[in-house]
Structure formats: structure tokens, C-alpha cells
Amino acid sequence: MPLTEAGIYAAALRLIDADGVEALTMRKLATSVDANPMSLYHHVSNKEAVLRGVARMVGAQFRTVTLQDAPWQERIRLLATDFRTLAHRHPKLMAYSFSHQADFIQREDPFWVALTAILDAAEVPHSELPQITALVGAVITGVLTAELNGALHQWASLKPPTVGEYEPTHPGRDENRVFRLTVDTIIMGLESRLAAGGDGWGAGH
């Protein structure tokens, strides 16, 4: 089969899923597609270009159920949960992308498009919509980054200094709880600002 960008990205993703971003080399990638390493450079300029291509490919595959008639709160919970599912499908790639690729999420990204539409349906003022969308996206991806790289479990397992008996944490169960808490906190914050009407938006302007 002829060598293509899509084929290169798909092969790179398989290697990343197996061994992580750090283990990916152009030579290993060439071997996986049964090609001469130099032939890869006719399609991609370097490893960083491969990683960006893989991230775009995975991001474009994001899908969430559209619940146009559901309350915006339910829609944002579903969107966040589906995005977390995608992150756990390719945890090594997503942890890297969240931490090292500031442009990982683009304007046309399905997650971003859906998030913007939900916040618009919640009647976030259009003057604040870009900033609120950015904030919500940053909180969700930030928590997912900590979850995927193990920091969240590590922090949750730290014994509070004022607590005597302390039940050990359980990976997975605690992370599920923290992610739900994150989304609920986002929703409550938005509900509070929406309820405040004009006084709650654009303070300081």
C-alpha cells in the first residue's frame, strides 16, 4: 500500500498507545509502516509534525450525543464525560497533547464547537462566550491532565494533616468522583452567574 499521511498517523498512534510519546522515533515509525525512514519525510517534516497530525486525527474523531432539547447542564455533563472517555482511549497521547500542545484544540474542533454551542444555549452573553468557553475547556483538560499523568491520584492520596484515621484512596473510583465534582462545580458557577443577570457578567468592565 502507498505511504500516506493518514497511514503514518494511524501507525504512530498505535506506537504511542503501546509505549508512549517518548518512545516514538521516526525510525520505529518507518519500521512499523515497512518504509525507509527517509521516505517518511516526504509526508511529515519531523516527530513534532507527526504528533500534531496524530492529535488532530484523534481530536477530529470526538463524538458526543446531541441532546438539543435537554437542559444545558445535562448537555455539558455528557460532553465532558464523552471527552474524558476519548482521553482514556488514548491516555498517553492525550496527556502529552494537553501538556505540550497549546494549539491542540482548534476553533473547528468538535469538542470546542459542541462546548460553545452548549454555553450559547445556556445564554452566556456573547461578549463573554469566548472567555467562558476557554475557562471551561481549560478546567476540564486541566483535571484530565492531572488524572492521566497520575498527579490527581497522588494528590488525593495525601493524608490531610489534621485528620487522624484516613481511608486510603482508590484509583478510578476517586478519579470518577473528582471529575463529576469538577463538572458539577463548573455548572454551579455558571448557574450562579446566569442567575445574577447583568450584575454577574463582565465585572470590572
N, C-alpha and C. Protein backbone atom coordinates (compact mmCIF):
# COMPACT_ATOMS: atom_id res chain seq x y z
N MET A 1 0.84 -1.20 0.00
CA MET A 1 0.00 0.00 0.00
C MET A 1 0.87 1.25 0.00
N PRO A 2 0.45 2.29 -0.73
CA PRO A 2 1.26 3.51 -0.77
C PRO A 2 1.27 4.21 0.58
N LEU A 3 2.37 4.86 0.87
CA LEU A 3 2.53 5.58 2.13
C LEU A 3 1.72 6.87 2.08
N THR A 4 0.93 7.12 3.11
CA THR A 4 0.11 8.34 3.18
C THR A 4 0.24 8.97 4.56
N GLU A 5 -0.12 10.24 4.65
CA GLU A 5 -0.10 10.91 5.95
C GLU A 5 -1.03 10.21 6.92
N ALA A 6 -2.23 9.87 6.48
CA ALA A 6 -3.19 9.21 7.35
C ALA A 6 -2.65 7.88 7.87
N GLY A 7 -1.99 7.13 6.99
CA GLY A 7 -1.42 5.86 7.40
C GLY A 7 -0.29 6.04 8.40
N ILE A 8 0.50 7.08 8.19
CA ILE A 8 1.61 7.38 9.12
C ILE A 8 1.05 7.74 10.50
N TYR A 9 0.01 8.59 10.52
CA TYR A 9 -0.57 9.00 11.80
C TYR A 9 -1.20 7.81 12.53
N ALA A 10 -1.87 6.95 11.78
CA ALA A 10 -2.51 5.78 12.40
C ALA A 10 -1.45 4.85 13.01
N ALA A 11 -0.35 4.66 12.30
CA ALA A 11 0.73 3.82 12.81
C ALA A 11 1.38 4.45 14.03
N ALA A 12 1.57 5.76 13.98
CA ALA A 12 2.18 6.47 15.11
C ALA A 12 1.29 6.35 16.34
N LEU A 13 -0.02 6.45 16.16
CA LEU A 13 -0.94 6.34 17.29
C LEU A 13 -0.86 4.96 17.93
N ARG A 14 -0.74 3.92 17.11
CA ARG A 14 -0.60 2.57 17.67
C ARG A 14 0.67 2.46 18.51
N LEU A 15 1.75 3.05 18.05
CA LEU A 15 3.01 3.01 18.80
C LEU A 15 2.91 3.82 20.08
N ILE A 16 2.26 4.98 20.01
CA ILE A 16 2.10 5.82 21.19
C ILE A 16 1.22 5.13 22.23
N ASP A 17 0.13 4.54 21.78
CA ASP A 17 -0.76 3.82 22.71
C ASP A 17 -0.01 2.70 23.43
N ALA A 18 0.91 2.08 22.72
CA ALA A 18 1.63 0.94 23.31
C ALA A 18 2.76 1.38 24.23
N ASP A 19 3.56 2.36 23.79
CA ASP A 19 4.81 2.67 24.51
C ASP A 19 4.96 4.13 24.95
N GLY A 20 4.04 5.00 24.55
CA GLY A 20 4.14 6.40 24.95
C GLY A 20 4.81 7.27 23.91
N VAL A 21 4.63 8.58 24.07
CA VAL A 21 5.17 9.55 23.12
C VAL A 21 6.69 9.54 23.11
N GLU A 22 7.28 9.42 24.28
CA GLU A 22 8.74 9.49 24.39
C GLU A 22 9.43 8.37 23.61
N ALA A 23 8.77 7.22 23.52
CA ALA A 23 9.37 6.06 22.84
C ALA A 23 9.24 6.13 21.33
N LEU A 24 8.42 7.05 20.83
CA LEU A 24 8.21 7.14 19.39
C LEU A 24 9.41 7.80 18.72
N THR A 25 9.95 7.14 17.71
CA THR A 25 11.02 7.71 16.88
C THR A 25 10.63 7.55 15.42
N MET A 26 11.24 8.35 14.58
CA MET A 26 10.95 8.25 13.15
C MET A 26 11.39 6.90 12.61
N ARG A 27 12.46 6.36 13.17
CA ARG A 27 12.93 5.05 12.71
C ARG A 27 11.94 3.95 13.08
N LYS A 28 11.44 3.98 14.32
CA LYS A 28 10.44 2.99 14.73
C LYS A 28 9.18 3.13 13.89
N LEU A 29 8.81 4.36 13.61
CA LEU A 29 7.61 4.60 12.82
C LEU A 29 7.77 4.06 11.41
N ALA A 30 8.95 4.28 10.83
CA ALA A 30 9.21 3.78 9.48
C ALA A 30 9.14 2.26 9.45
N THR A 31 9.69 1.62 10.48
CA THR A 31 9.66 0.16 10.55
C THR A 31 8.22 -0.34 10.63
N SER A 32 7.39 0.37 11.40
CA SER A 32 6.01 -0.08 11.59
C SER A 32 5.18 0.01 10.31
N VAL A 33 5.58 0.91 9.40
CA VAL A 33 4.84 1.03 8.12
C VAL A 33 5.63 0.39 6.97
N ASP A 34 6.71 -0.32 7.35
CA ASP A 34 7.53 -1.03 6.36
C ASP A 34 8.03 -0.07 5.27
N ALA A 35 8.66 1.02 5.74
CA ALA A 35 9.16 2.03 4.80
C ALA A 35 10.56 2.45 5.20
N ASN A 36 11.26 3.03 4.27
CA ASN A 36 12.57 3.63 4.56
C ASN A 36 12.35 4.88 5.39
N PRO A 37 13.13 5.08 6.46
CA PRO A 37 12.93 6.27 7.30
C PRO A 37 12.91 7.57 6.52
N MET A 38 13.76 7.67 5.50
CA MET A 38 13.82 8.93 4.74
C MET A 38 12.52 9.18 3.97
N SER A 39 11.80 8.10 3.62
CA SER A 39 10.58 8.29 2.84
C SER A 39 9.48 8.95 3.67
N LEU A 40 9.58 8.84 5.01
CA LEU A 40 8.58 9.49 5.85
C LEU A 40 8.62 11.01 5.68
N TYR A 41 9.83 11.53 5.43
CA TYR A 41 10.00 12.98 5.38
C TYR A 41 9.38 13.60 4.13
N HIS A 42 8.93 12.78 3.21
CA HIS A 42 8.18 13.30 2.06
C HIS A 42 6.75 13.66 2.48
N HIS A 43 6.32 13.14 3.65
CA HIS A 43 4.95 13.36 4.12
C HIS A 43 4.89 14.17 5.41
N VAL A 44 5.85 13.98 6.29
CA VAL A 44 5.89 14.71 7.57
C VAL A 44 7.32 15.19 7.81
N SER A 45 7.45 16.40 8.36
CA SER A 45 8.78 17.01 8.46
C SER A 45 9.60 16.46 9.62
N ASN A 46 8.95 16.08 10.72
CA ASN A 46 9.68 15.60 11.90
C ASN A 46 8.70 14.96 12.89
N LYS A 47 9.22 14.53 14.02
CA LYS A 47 8.37 13.86 15.02
C LYS A 47 7.29 14.80 15.53
N GLU A 48 7.63 16.07 15.74
CA GLU A 48 6.64 17.02 16.25
C GLU A 48 5.46 17.16 15.28
N ALA A 49 5.77 17.17 14.00
CA ALA A 49 4.71 17.25 13.00
C ALA A 49 3.83 16.00 13.04
N VAL A 50 4.45 14.85 13.29
CA VAL A 50 3.69 13.60 13.42
C VAL A 50 2.75 13.70 14.61
N LEU A 51 3.26 14.18 15.73
CA LEU A 51 2.44 14.28 16.94
C LEU A 51 1.26 15.23 16.74
N ARG A 52 1.50 16.32 16.06
CA ARG A 52 0.41 17.27 15.80
C ARG A 52 -0.63 16.63 14.88
N GLY A 53 -0.16 15.90 13.89
CA GLY A 53 -1.08 15.22 12.98
C GLY A 53 -1.90 14.16 13.69
N VAL A 54 -1.25 13.40 14.57
CA VAL A 54 -1.97 12.37 15.33
C VAL A 54 -3.01 13.01 16.25
N ALA A 55 -2.61 14.10 16.91
CA ALA A 55 -3.53 14.79 17.82
C ALA A 55 -4.75 15.33 17.07
N ARG A 56 -4.52 15.91 15.90
CA ARG A 56 -5.64 16.41 15.09
C ARG A 56 -6.55 15.27 14.65
N MET A 57 -5.94 14.14 14.28
CA MET A 57 -6.71 12.98 13.83
C MET A 57 -7.61 12.47 14.96
N VAL A 58 -7.05 12.35 16.16
CA VAL A 58 -7.83 11.86 17.30
C VAL A 58 -8.90 12.88 17.69
N GLY A 59 -8.53 14.16 17.72
CA GLY A 59 -9.50 15.19 18.08
C GLY A 59 -10.68 15.24 17.14
N ALA A 60 -10.42 15.01 15.85
CA ALA A 60 -11.48 15.03 14.85
C ALA A 60 -12.43 13.86 15.00
N GLN A 61 -11.99 12.81 15.69
CA GLN A 61 -12.83 11.63 15.88
C GLN A 61 -13.79 11.77 17.06
N PHE A 62 -13.65 12.87 17.83
CA PHE A 62 -14.50 13.03 19.00
C PHE A 62 -15.96 13.13 18.59
N ARG A 63 -16.79 12.39 19.28
CA ARG A 63 -18.23 12.44 19.05
C ARG A 63 -18.94 12.46 20.39
N THR A 64 -20.03 13.20 20.45
CA THR A 64 -20.85 13.19 21.65
C THR A 64 -22.31 13.16 21.21
N VAL A 65 -23.17 12.62 22.06
CA VAL A 65 -24.59 12.57 21.75
C VAL A 65 -25.16 13.99 21.78
N THR A 66 -25.92 14.34 20.79
CA THR A 66 -26.54 15.67 20.74
C THR A 66 -27.91 15.62 21.40
N LEU A 67 -28.06 16.39 22.46
CA LEU A 67 -29.33 16.44 23.18
C LEU A 67 -29.86 17.87 23.13
N GLN A 68 -30.32 18.27 21.96
CA GLN A 68 -30.70 19.66 21.76
C GLN A 68 -31.82 20.11 22.71
N ASP A 69 -32.71 19.20 23.07
CA ASP A 69 -33.85 19.58 23.92
C ASP A 69 -33.57 19.41 25.40
N ALA A 70 -32.40 18.87 25.75
CA ALA A 70 -32.07 18.66 27.16
C ALA A 70 -31.56 19.96 27.77
N PRO A 71 -31.67 20.11 29.09
CA PRO A 71 -31.11 21.28 29.76
C PRO A 71 -29.62 21.38 29.49
N TRP A 72 -29.10 22.60 29.43
CA TRP A 72 -27.69 22.77 29.12
C TRP A 72 -26.80 22.09 30.15
N GLN A 73 -27.29 22.00 31.39
CA GLN A 73 -26.49 21.34 32.43
C GLN A 73 -26.24 19.86 32.08
N GLU A 74 -27.31 19.20 31.59
CA GLU A 74 -27.18 17.79 31.22
C GLU A 74 -26.28 17.64 29.99
N ARG A 75 -26.39 18.57 29.07
CA ARG A 75 -25.57 18.51 27.86
C ARG A 75 -24.09 18.68 28.17
N ILE A 76 -23.77 19.56 29.10
CA ILE A 76 -22.36 19.79 29.42
C ILE A 76 -21.79 18.61 30.19
N ARG A 77 -22.61 17.97 31.03
CA ARG A 77 -22.15 16.76 31.73
C ARG A 77 -21.82 15.66 30.72
N LEU A 78 -22.71 15.48 29.76
CA LEU A 78 -22.49 14.43 28.76
C LEU A 78 -21.27 14.74 27.90
N LEU A 79 -21.14 15.99 27.49
CA LEU A 79 -19.99 16.39 26.68
C LEU A 79 -18.68 16.12 27.42
N ALA A 80 -18.60 16.54 28.67
CA ALA A 80 -17.39 16.36 29.46
C ALA A 80 -17.08 14.88 29.65
N THR A 81 -18.11 14.08 29.92
CA THR A 81 -17.91 12.64 30.12
C THR A 81 -17.43 11.97 28.85
N ASP A 82 -18.01 12.33 27.72
CA ASP A 82 -17.58 11.74 26.44
C ASP A 82 -16.15 12.16 26.10
N PHE A 83 -15.79 13.39 26.42
CA PHE A 83 -14.42 13.85 26.16
C PHE A 83 -13.43 13.10 27.05
N ARG A 84 -13.83 12.84 28.29
CA ARG A 84 -12.99 12.06 29.19
C ARG A 84 -12.82 10.64 28.66
N THR A 85 -13.89 10.07 28.10
CA THR A 85 -13.80 8.73 27.52
C THR A 85 -12.78 8.70 26.39
N LEU A 86 -12.79 9.73 25.53
CA LEU A 86 -11.80 9.81 24.46
C LEU A 86 -10.39 9.90 25.02
N ALA A 87 -10.22 10.70 26.07
CA ALA A 87 -8.90 10.86 26.68
C ALA A 87 -8.38 9.53 27.23
N HIS A 88 -9.27 8.74 27.80
CA HIS A 88 -8.85 7.45 28.36
C HIS A 88 -8.66 6.40 27.26
N ARG A 89 -9.19 6.65 26.08
CA ARG A 89 -8.98 5.73 24.97
C ARG A 89 -7.54 5.83 24.47
N HIS A 90 -6.96 7.02 24.55
CA HIS A 90 -5.57 7.25 24.13
C HIS A 90 -4.86 8.09 25.20
N PRO A 91 -4.70 7.54 26.41
CA PRO A 91 -4.22 8.35 27.54
C PRO A 91 -2.82 8.92 27.37
N LYS A 92 -1.93 8.17 26.74
CA LYS A 92 -0.55 8.66 26.61
C LYS A 92 -0.48 9.83 25.63
N LEU A 93 -1.20 9.72 24.54
CA LEU A 93 -1.24 10.82 23.58
C LEU A 93 -1.93 12.04 24.17
N MET A 94 -3.08 11.83 24.82
CA MET A 94 -3.85 12.95 25.31
C MET A 94 -3.14 13.68 26.45
N ALA A 95 -2.49 12.95 27.33
CA ALA A 95 -1.73 13.59 28.41
C ALA A 95 -0.64 14.47 27.83
N TYR A 96 0.04 13.96 26.79
CA TYR A 96 1.08 14.76 26.13
C TYR A 96 0.48 15.98 25.45
N SER A 97 -0.60 15.80 24.73
CA SER A 97 -1.20 16.90 23.97
C SER A 97 -1.70 18.00 24.89
N PHE A 98 -2.38 17.62 25.98
CA PHE A 98 -2.87 18.62 26.92
C PHE A 98 -1.73 19.44 27.52
N SER A 99 -0.58 18.79 27.75
CA SER A 99 0.53 19.44 28.44
C SER A 99 1.49 20.17 27.50
N HIS A 100 1.63 19.70 26.26
CA HIS A 100 2.68 20.22 25.38
C HIS A 100 2.19 20.89 24.11
N GLN A 101 0.91 20.79 23.81
CA GLN A 101 0.41 21.37 22.56
C GLN A 101 -0.69 22.38 22.86
N ALA A 102 -0.28 23.63 22.98
CA ALA A 102 -1.24 24.68 23.31
C ALA A 102 -2.33 24.82 22.25
N ASP A 103 -1.99 24.44 21.01
CA ASP A 103 -2.96 24.55 19.92
C ASP A 103 -3.66 23.23 19.63
N PHE A 104 -3.65 22.32 20.61
CA PHE A 104 -4.28 21.01 20.42
C PHE A 104 -5.75 21.16 20.05
N ILE A 105 -6.46 22.05 20.75
CA ILE A 105 -7.87 22.29 20.45
C ILE A 105 -7.98 23.54 19.58
N GLN A 106 -8.57 23.36 18.41
CA GLN A 106 -8.73 24.46 17.46
C GLN A 106 -10.21 24.89 17.41
N ARG A 107 -10.45 25.99 16.72
CA ARG A 107 -11.80 26.54 16.64
C ARG A 107 -12.81 25.54 16.06
N GLU A 108 -12.36 24.74 15.07
CA GLU A 108 -13.26 23.80 14.42
C GLU A 108 -13.29 22.43 15.10
N ASP A 109 -12.56 22.28 16.20
CA ASP A 109 -12.53 21.00 16.92
C ASP A 109 -13.94 20.64 17.40
N PRO A 110 -14.39 19.39 17.19
CA PRO A 110 -15.75 19.00 17.58
C PRO A 110 -16.07 19.26 19.05
N PHE A 111 -15.11 19.03 19.93
CA PHE A 111 -15.34 19.30 21.35
C PHE A 111 -15.59 20.78 21.58
N TRP A 112 -14.77 21.62 20.96
CA TRP A 112 -14.89 23.07 21.13
C TRP A 112 -16.19 23.60 20.54
N VAL A 113 -16.54 23.10 19.37
CA VAL A 113 -17.79 23.51 18.72
C VAL A 113 -18.99 23.17 19.60
N ALA A 114 -19.00 21.93 20.13
CA ALA A 114 -20.11 21.50 20.97
C ALA A 114 -20.17 22.28 22.28
N LEU A 115 -19.01 22.53 22.89
CA LEU A 115 -18.96 23.27 24.15
C LEU A 115 -19.47 24.70 23.95
N THR A 116 -19.05 25.33 22.87
CA THR A 116 -19.51 26.69 22.58
C THR A 116 -21.01 26.73 22.38
N ALA A 117 -21.54 25.74 21.65
CA ALA A 117 -22.98 25.69 21.39
C ALA A 117 -23.77 25.51 22.69
N ILE A 118 -23.27 24.69 23.60
CA ILE A 118 -23.95 24.45 24.87
C ILE A 118 -23.98 25.73 25.72
N LEU A 119 -22.84 26.42 25.79
CA LEU A 119 -22.78 27.64 26.59
C LEU A 119 -23.62 28.75 25.96
N ASP A 120 -23.70 28.74 24.64
CA ASP A 120 -24.58 29.70 23.97
C ASP A 120 -26.03 29.39 24.30
N ALA A 121 -26.39 28.10 24.32
CA ALA A 121 -27.75 27.70 24.68
C ALA A 121 -28.07 28.03 26.14
N ALA A 122 -27.04 28.08 26.97
CA ALA A 122 -27.23 28.46 28.38
C ALA A 122 -27.42 29.96 28.53
N GLU A 123 -27.32 30.68 27.41
CA GLU A 123 -27.50 32.13 27.36
C GLU A 123 -26.37 32.88 28.04
N VAL A 124 -25.15 32.33 27.92
CA VAL A 124 -23.97 33.10 28.29
C VAL A 124 -23.89 34.28 27.33
N PRO A 125 -23.73 35.50 27.82
CA PRO A 125 -23.66 36.66 26.92
C PRO A 125 -22.58 36.48 25.86
N HIS A 126 -22.89 36.87 24.65
CA HIS A 126 -21.93 36.68 23.56
C HIS A 126 -20.62 37.41 23.80
N SER A 127 -20.66 38.50 24.52
CA SER A 127 -19.43 39.23 24.82
C SER A 127 -18.50 38.45 25.72
N GLU A 128 -19.06 37.51 26.49
CA GLU A 128 -18.28 36.70 27.43
C GLU A 128 -18.06 35.28 26.93
N LEU A 129 -18.73 34.89 25.84
CA LEU A 129 -18.72 33.49 25.40
C LEU A 129 -17.31 32.95 25.12
N PRO A 130 -16.44 33.69 24.40
CA PRO A 130 -15.09 33.13 24.16
C PRO A 130 -14.31 32.88 25.45
N GLN A 131 -14.40 33.82 26.40
CA GLN A 131 -13.65 33.66 27.64
C GLN A 131 -14.21 32.53 28.51
N ILE A 132 -15.54 32.43 28.59
CA ILE A 132 -16.14 31.37 29.41
C ILE A 132 -15.88 30.00 28.79
N THR A 133 -15.96 29.91 27.46
CA THR A 133 -15.66 28.64 26.79
C THR A 133 -14.21 28.24 27.06
N ALA A 134 -13.31 29.21 26.98
CA ALA A 134 -11.89 28.93 27.23
C ALA A 134 -11.68 28.46 28.67
N LEU A 135 -12.35 29.11 29.62
CA LEU A 135 -12.21 28.74 31.02
C LEU A 135 -12.72 27.33 31.28
N VAL A 136 -13.91 27.03 30.78
CA VAL A 136 -14.48 25.69 30.99
C VAL A 136 -13.59 24.62 30.34
N GLY A 137 -13.13 24.88 29.11
CA GLY A 137 -12.24 23.94 28.44
C GLY A 137 -10.95 23.73 29.20
N ALA A 138 -10.39 24.82 29.74
CA ALA A 138 -9.13 24.73 30.48
C ALA A 138 -9.30 23.92 31.76
N VAL A 139 -10.42 24.11 32.45
CA VAL A 139 -10.65 23.36 33.69
C VAL A 139 -10.79 21.87 33.40
N ILE A 140 -11.57 21.53 32.38
CA ILE A 140 -11.79 20.12 32.04
C ILE A 140 -10.49 19.46 31.62
N THR A 141 -9.74 20.10 30.70
CA THR A 141 -8.49 19.49 30.25
C THR A 141 -7.44 19.48 31.35
N GLY A 142 -7.48 20.48 32.24
CA GLY A 142 -6.52 20.50 33.35
C GLY A 142 -6.72 19.34 34.30
N VAL A 143 -7.98 19.07 34.65
CA VAL A 143 -8.27 17.95 35.53
C VAL A 143 -7.93 16.63 34.84
N LEU A 144 -8.24 16.53 33.56
CA LEU A 144 -7.90 15.31 32.82
C LEU A 144 -6.39 15.10 32.74
N THR A 145 -5.63 16.18 32.58
CA THR A 145 -4.17 16.06 32.55
C THR A 145 -3.66 15.47 33.85
N ALA A 146 -4.14 16.02 34.96
CA ALA A 146 -3.72 15.51 36.28
C ALA A 146 -4.16 14.07 36.49
N GLU A 147 -5.31 13.72 35.95
CA GLU A 147 -5.79 12.34 36.07
C GLU A 147 -4.93 11.39 35.24
N LEU A 148 -4.63 11.77 34.01
CA LEU A 148 -3.90 10.88 33.11
C LEU A 148 -2.43 10.71 33.52
N ASN A 149 -1.82 11.76 34.08
CA ASN A 149 -0.41 11.63 34.44
C ASN A 149 -0.20 11.12 35.87
N GLY A 150 -1.30 10.82 36.56
CA GLY A 150 -1.20 10.24 37.90
C GLY A 150 -1.18 11.24 39.03
N ALA A 151 -1.08 12.54 38.71
CA ALA A 151 -1.00 13.55 39.76
C ALA A 151 -2.27 13.61 40.60
N LEU A 152 -3.41 13.45 39.97
CA LEU A 152 -4.68 13.55 40.69
C LEU A 152 -4.78 12.47 41.76
N HIS A 153 -4.42 11.24 41.41
CA HIS A 153 -4.46 10.16 42.40
C HIS A 153 -3.45 10.42 43.52
N GLN A 154 -2.28 10.93 43.14
CA GLN A 154 -1.25 11.21 44.14
C GLN A 154 -1.73 12.27 45.13
N TRP A 155 -2.33 13.33 44.62
CA TRP A 155 -2.83 14.39 45.50
C TRP A 155 -3.96 13.89 46.38
N ALA A 156 -4.85 13.09 45.79
CA ALA A 156 -6.00 12.59 46.55
C ALA A 156 -5.57 11.61 47.64
N SER A 157 -4.40 11.01 47.49
CA SER A 157 -3.94 10.03 48.47
C SER A 157 -3.13 10.67 49.61
N LEU A 158 -2.89 11.98 49.52
CA LEU A 158 -2.16 12.67 50.58
C LEU A 158 -3.05 12.78 51.82
N LYS A 159 -2.55 12.34 52.94
CA LYS A 159 -3.32 12.37 54.17
C LYS A 159 -3.41 13.80 54.70
N PRO A 160 -4.63 14.32 54.89
CA PRO A 160 -4.76 15.67 55.46
C PRO A 160 -4.08 15.73 56.83
N PRO A 161 -3.30 16.78 57.10
CA PRO A 161 -2.52 16.82 58.34
C PRO A 161 -3.37 16.86 59.61
N THR A 162 -4.64 17.30 59.51
CA THR A 162 -5.49 17.40 60.70
C THR A 162 -6.41 16.21 60.88
N VAL A 163 -6.27 15.21 60.03
CA VAL A 163 -7.15 14.05 60.10
C VAL A 163 -6.43 12.88 60.75
N GLY A 164 -7.10 12.23 61.69
CA GLY A 164 -6.48 11.08 62.37
C GLY A 164 -6.55 9.85 61.49
N GLU A 165 -7.67 9.14 61.54
CA GLU A 165 -7.85 7.97 60.70
C GLU A 165 -8.20 8.42 59.28
N TYR A 166 -7.54 7.77 58.32
CA TYR A 166 -7.75 8.21 56.93
C TYR A 166 -7.84 7.00 56.04
N GLU A 167 -8.96 6.86 55.34
CA GLU A 167 -9.16 5.71 54.46
C GLU A 167 -8.34 5.89 53.18
N PRO A 168 -7.53 4.90 52.79
CA PRO A 168 -6.74 5.01 51.55
C PRO A 168 -7.64 5.25 50.35
N THR A 169 -7.11 5.98 49.39
CA THR A 169 -7.88 6.26 48.19
C THR A 169 -7.84 5.09 47.23
N HIS A 170 -8.78 5.08 46.32
CA HIS A 170 -8.88 4.00 45.33
C HIS A 170 -8.82 4.60 43.94
N PRO A 171 -7.76 4.31 43.18
CA PRO A 171 -7.68 4.85 41.81
C PRO A 171 -8.91 4.47 41.01
N GLY A 172 -9.35 5.32 40.15
CA GLY A 172 -10.52 5.04 39.35
C GLY A 172 -11.77 5.55 40.04
N ARG A 173 -12.09 4.98 41.21
CA ARG A 173 -13.28 5.42 41.92
C ARG A 173 -13.14 6.88 42.34
N ASP A 174 -12.00 7.24 42.91
CA ASP A 174 -11.79 8.62 43.32
C ASP A 174 -11.70 9.56 42.13
N GLU A 175 -11.08 9.11 41.05
CA GLU A 175 -10.97 9.95 39.87
C GLU A 175 -12.33 10.20 39.24
N ASN A 176 -13.19 9.19 39.23
CA ASN A 176 -14.56 9.38 38.74
C ASN A 176 -15.28 10.43 39.57
N ARG A 177 -15.11 10.34 40.90
CA ARG A 177 -15.78 11.27 41.81
C ARG A 177 -15.26 12.69 41.60
N VAL A 178 -13.95 12.84 41.46
CA VAL A 178 -13.37 14.17 41.28
C VAL A 178 -13.81 14.78 39.96
N PHE A 179 -13.89 13.97 38.91
CA PHE A 179 -14.30 14.51 37.62
C PHE A 179 -15.76 14.96 37.68
N ARG A 180 -16.61 14.17 38.32
CA ARG A 180 -18.01 14.59 38.48
C ARG A 180 -18.10 15.87 39.30
N LEU A 181 -17.28 15.97 40.34
CA LEU A 181 -17.25 17.17 41.17
C LEU A 181 -16.80 18.38 40.35
N THR A 182 -15.83 18.17 39.48
CA THR A 182 -15.34 19.25 38.61
C THR A 182 -16.46 19.78 37.73
N VAL A 183 -17.16 18.88 37.07
CA VAL A 183 -18.24 19.30 36.16
C VAL A 183 -19.37 19.95 36.95
N ASP A 184 -19.72 19.38 38.10
CA ASP A 184 -20.79 19.97 38.91
C ASP A 184 -20.41 21.38 39.38
N THR A 185 -19.14 21.57 39.72
CA THR A 185 -18.68 22.89 40.17
C THR A 185 -18.73 23.90 39.05
N ILE A 186 -18.34 23.47 37.84
CA ILE A 186 -18.45 24.35 36.67
C ILE A 186 -19.90 24.77 36.46
N ILE A 187 -20.80 23.80 36.53
CA ILE A 187 -22.22 24.07 36.29
C ILE A 187 -22.77 25.02 37.35
N MET A 188 -22.44 24.77 38.62
CA MET A 188 -22.94 25.63 39.69
C MET A 188 -22.41 27.06 39.54
N GLY A 189 -21.15 27.18 39.12
CA GLY A 189 -20.60 28.51 38.91
C GLY A 189 -21.31 29.26 37.80
N LEU A 190 -21.58 28.55 36.71
CA LEU A 190 -22.29 29.16 35.59
C LEU A 190 -23.72 29.52 35.98
N GLU A 191 -24.39 28.61 36.71
CA GLU A 191 -25.76 28.90 37.16
C GLU A 191 -25.79 30.15 38.03
N SER A 192 -24.80 30.30 38.88
CA SER A 192 -24.74 31.46 39.77
C SER A 192 -24.59 32.75 38.98
N ARG A 193 -23.70 32.73 37.98
CA ARG A 193 -23.50 33.93 37.18
C ARG A 193 -24.73 34.23 36.32
N LEU A 194 -25.35 33.20 35.78
CA LEU A 194 -26.56 33.41 34.97
C LEU A 194 -27.69 33.97 35.82
N ALA A 195 -27.83 33.46 37.04
CA ALA A 195 -28.89 33.94 37.93
C ALA A 195 -28.69 35.39 38.33
N ALA A 196 -27.42 35.80 38.37
CA ALA A 196 -27.11 37.18 38.75
C ALA A 196 -27.44 38.17 37.65
N GLY A 197 -27.69 37.65 36.44
CA GLY A 197 -28.04 38.52 35.32
C GLY A 197 -26.91 39.45 34.96
N GLY A 198 -27.25 40.69 34.67
CA GLY A 198 -26.25 41.66 34.22
C GLY A 198 -25.17 41.91 35.24
N ASP A 199 -25.52 41.79 36.55
CA ASP A 199 -24.52 42.08 37.58
C ASP A 199 -23.45 41.00 37.66
N GLY A 200 -23.76 39.80 37.14
CA GLY A 200 -22.81 38.71 37.28
C GLY A 200 -21.82 38.59 36.16
N TRP A 201 -22.04 39.35 35.08
CA TRP A 201 -21.18 39.22 33.92
C TRP A 201 -20.38 40.49 33.68
N GLY A 202 -19.14 40.25 33.27
CA GLY A 202 -18.32 41.39 32.86
C GLY A 202 -17.96 42.31 33.99
N ALA A 203 -17.84 41.78 35.23
CA ALA A 203 -17.46 42.62 36.34
C ALA A 203 -16.12 43.27 36.09
N GLY A 204 -16.04 44.54 36.39
CA GLY A 204 -14.78 45.24 36.21
C GLY A 204 -14.66 45.93 34.88
N HIS A 205 -15.67 45.71 33.97
CA HIS A 205 -15.63 46.36 32.65
C HIS A 205 -16.33 47.69 32.71
